[in-house]
Protein backbone atom coordinates (compact mmCIF):
# COMPACT_ATOMS: atom_id res chain seq x y z
CA MET A 1 -26.86 7.11 0.21
CA LYS A 2 -24.22 6.07 -2.14
CA SER A 3 -20.40 7.11 -1.78
CA LYS A 4 -17.79 8.00 -4.86
CA GLY A 5 -15.16 6.10 -1.78
CA ARG A 6 -14.67 2.84 0.03
CA HIS A 7 -11.71 2.27 2.48
CA ILE A 8 -10.23 -0.01 3.96
CA THR A 9 -8.21 -0.23 6.82
CA LEU A 10 -6.27 -2.99 8.74
CA ASP A 11 -4.37 -3.29 11.06
CA TYR A 12 -1.99 -6.09 12.03
CA SER A 13 0.29 -6.32 15.54
CA GLY A 14 3.27 -8.65 15.58
CA PHE A 15 5.39 -6.54 12.35
CA LYS A 16 8.84 -6.32 12.45
CA GLY A 17 10.01 -5.30 8.93
CA ALA A 18 11.44 -1.89 7.13
CA GLY A 19 10.08 1.05 5.93
CA ASP A 20 11.34 1.32 2.76
CA TRP A 21 10.33 -2.81 2.11
CA ILE A 22 6.41 -2.02 3.47
CA LEU A 23 6.47 0.46 0.27
CA CYS A 24 8.03 -2.36 -2.36
CA VAL A 25 4.94 -4.56 -0.43
CA LEU A 26 2.14 -1.15 -1.31
CA GLN A 27 3.39 -0.29 -4.37
CA SER A 28 3.45 -4.44 -6.02
CA ALA A 29 -0.06 -4.27 -4.64
CA VAL A 30 -0.59 -1.08 -6.92
CA SER A 31 0.69 -2.88 -10.21
CA ARG A 32 -0.43 -5.28 -10.09
CA SER A 33 -4.37 -3.94 -9.41
CA ASP A 34 -6.81 -1.38 -11.88
CA ALA A 35 -5.06 1.86 -10.25
CA ARG A 36 -2.57 3.50 -11.90
CA GLU A 37 0.68 5.07 -8.61
CA VAL A 38 1.18 8.46 -9.54
CA HIS A 39 4.02 9.23 -6.50
CA ALA A 40 5.58 7.22 -3.46
CA HIS A 41 7.36 7.83 -0.50
CA VAL A 42 8.38 6.80 2.90
CA SER A 43 9.29 8.68 5.83
CA GLN A 44 11.94 6.48 8.58
CA PHE A 45 11.53 8.42 11.53
CA ASP A 46 14.43 7.54 14.16
CA GLY A 47 12.28 8.11 17.51
CA VAL A 48 14.01 11.29 18.38
CA GLN A 49 11.28 13.25 16.99
CA SER A 50 8.15 10.86 16.31
CA PRO A 51 7.74 7.62 17.67
CA LEU A 52 10.49 4.94 16.21
CA GLY A 53 9.27 3.64 12.66
CA PHE A 54 7.63 5.10 9.19
CA ALA A 55 4.81 6.48 7.31
CA ALA A 56 4.94 4.99 3.06
CA VAL A 57 2.38 6.16 0.87
CA VAL A 58 1.58 5.25 -2.59
CA LEU A 59 -0.83 7.86 -3.99
CA ILE A 60 -2.97 6.43 -6.38
CA ASP A 61 -5.01 9.41 -9.27
CA GLU A 62 -7.97 7.48 -7.50
CA SER A 63 -6.67 8.63 -3.62
CA HIS A 64 -3.90 6.79 -1.60
CA VAL A 65 -2.48 3.70 0.23
CA SER A 66 -1.07 3.82 2.59
CA ALA A 67 1.15 2.30 5.90
CA HIS A 68 2.24 3.68 9.60
CA CYS A 69 4.92 1.92 11.41
CA TYR A 70 5.29 2.12 15.68
CA ALA A 71 8.52 0.02 15.30
CA ASP A 72 8.70 -0.47 19.22
CA GLU A 73 5.37 -1.56 19.70
CA GLY A 74 4.92 -3.82 17.36
CA ILE A 75 2.16 -2.41 15.11
CA LEU A 76 1.27 -1.67 11.27
CA ALA A 77 -1.57 0.23 9.98
CA VAL A 78 -2.46 -0.42 6.92
CA ASP A 79 -5.30 1.87 4.75
CA CYS A 80 -6.35 1.87 0.71
CA PHE A 81 -8.51 4.15 -0.03
CA THR A 82 -9.80 4.08 -3.39
CA CYS A 83 -12.78 6.35 -6.25
CA GLY A 84 -14.39 4.80 -8.41
CA SER A 85 -13.89 1.91 -10.22
CA VAL A 86 -11.13 -0.05 -8.32
CA ASP A 87 -11.89 -1.78 -5.76
CA PRO A 88 -10.22 -0.91 -2.62
CA ASN A 89 -10.28 -5.15 -1.51
CA THR A 90 -8.82 -6.01 -4.13
CA ILE A 91 -5.26 -4.05 -2.93
CA ALA A 92 -5.54 -4.83 0.33
CA ASP A 93 -5.86 -8.60 -0.09
CA ASP A 94 -3.43 -8.44 -1.98
CA ILE A 95 -1.24 -6.11 0.50
CA HIS A 96 -2.27 -9.17 3.71
CA ALA A 97 -0.72 -11.89 1.48
CA GLN A 98 2.58 -10.42 0.80
CA LEU A 99 2.46 -9.44 4.02
CA ILE A 100 1.20 -12.79 5.79
CA ASP A 101 3.56 -14.86 2.83
CA ALA A 102 6.49 -12.94 4.43
CA ILE A 103 5.87 -12.39 8.26
CA PRO A 104 3.40 -15.76 9.23
CA THR A 105 3.56 -15.23 12.31
CA LEU A 106 1.74 -11.75 11.82
CA LYS A 107 -1.63 -11.14 13.60
CA LEU A 108 -4.34 -9.00 11.60
CA VAL A 109 -5.80 -7.34 13.98
CA GLN A 110 -8.71 -5.90 12.56
CA ARG A 111 -10.55 -5.11 8.63
CA THR A 112 -12.57 -2.61 8.42
CA ALA A 113 -14.67 -0.90 5.49
CA LEU A 114 -16.21 2.76 5.33
CA ASP A 115 -18.16 3.96 2.72
CA ARG A 116 -16.27 7.54 1.22
CA PHE A 117 -17.35 10.63 -0.29
CA VAL A 118 -20.80 9.23 0.97
CA MET A 119 -23.97 12.10 -0.97
CA GLU A 120 -27.80 11.32 -0.19
CA GLU A 121 -29.59 10.27 -3.12
């Protein structure tokens, strides 16, 4: 089997931060990689229709980088999905370094890697 894409996910506990700030973290990691940003957006959730938190996404021509937060539980999920020659590990490592630098008490609970667009050879 071979694949055209790779997907890295990061799950954190102990997160206390804002969606606008996370969007800047994602964008800066993308800008330092070989990926090309095509759009970025963050939506804040006030806890009325959706749980308190946010969703942030940076669309890249190779796929996306996103973050989702349940603010009242302090949990944050980040995913980096790329296709072609762009390595999502580079973006994920950059995001992780920025998060730990800004929030030293943040705990990485899980990191996973998946092949995507898997094809039979």
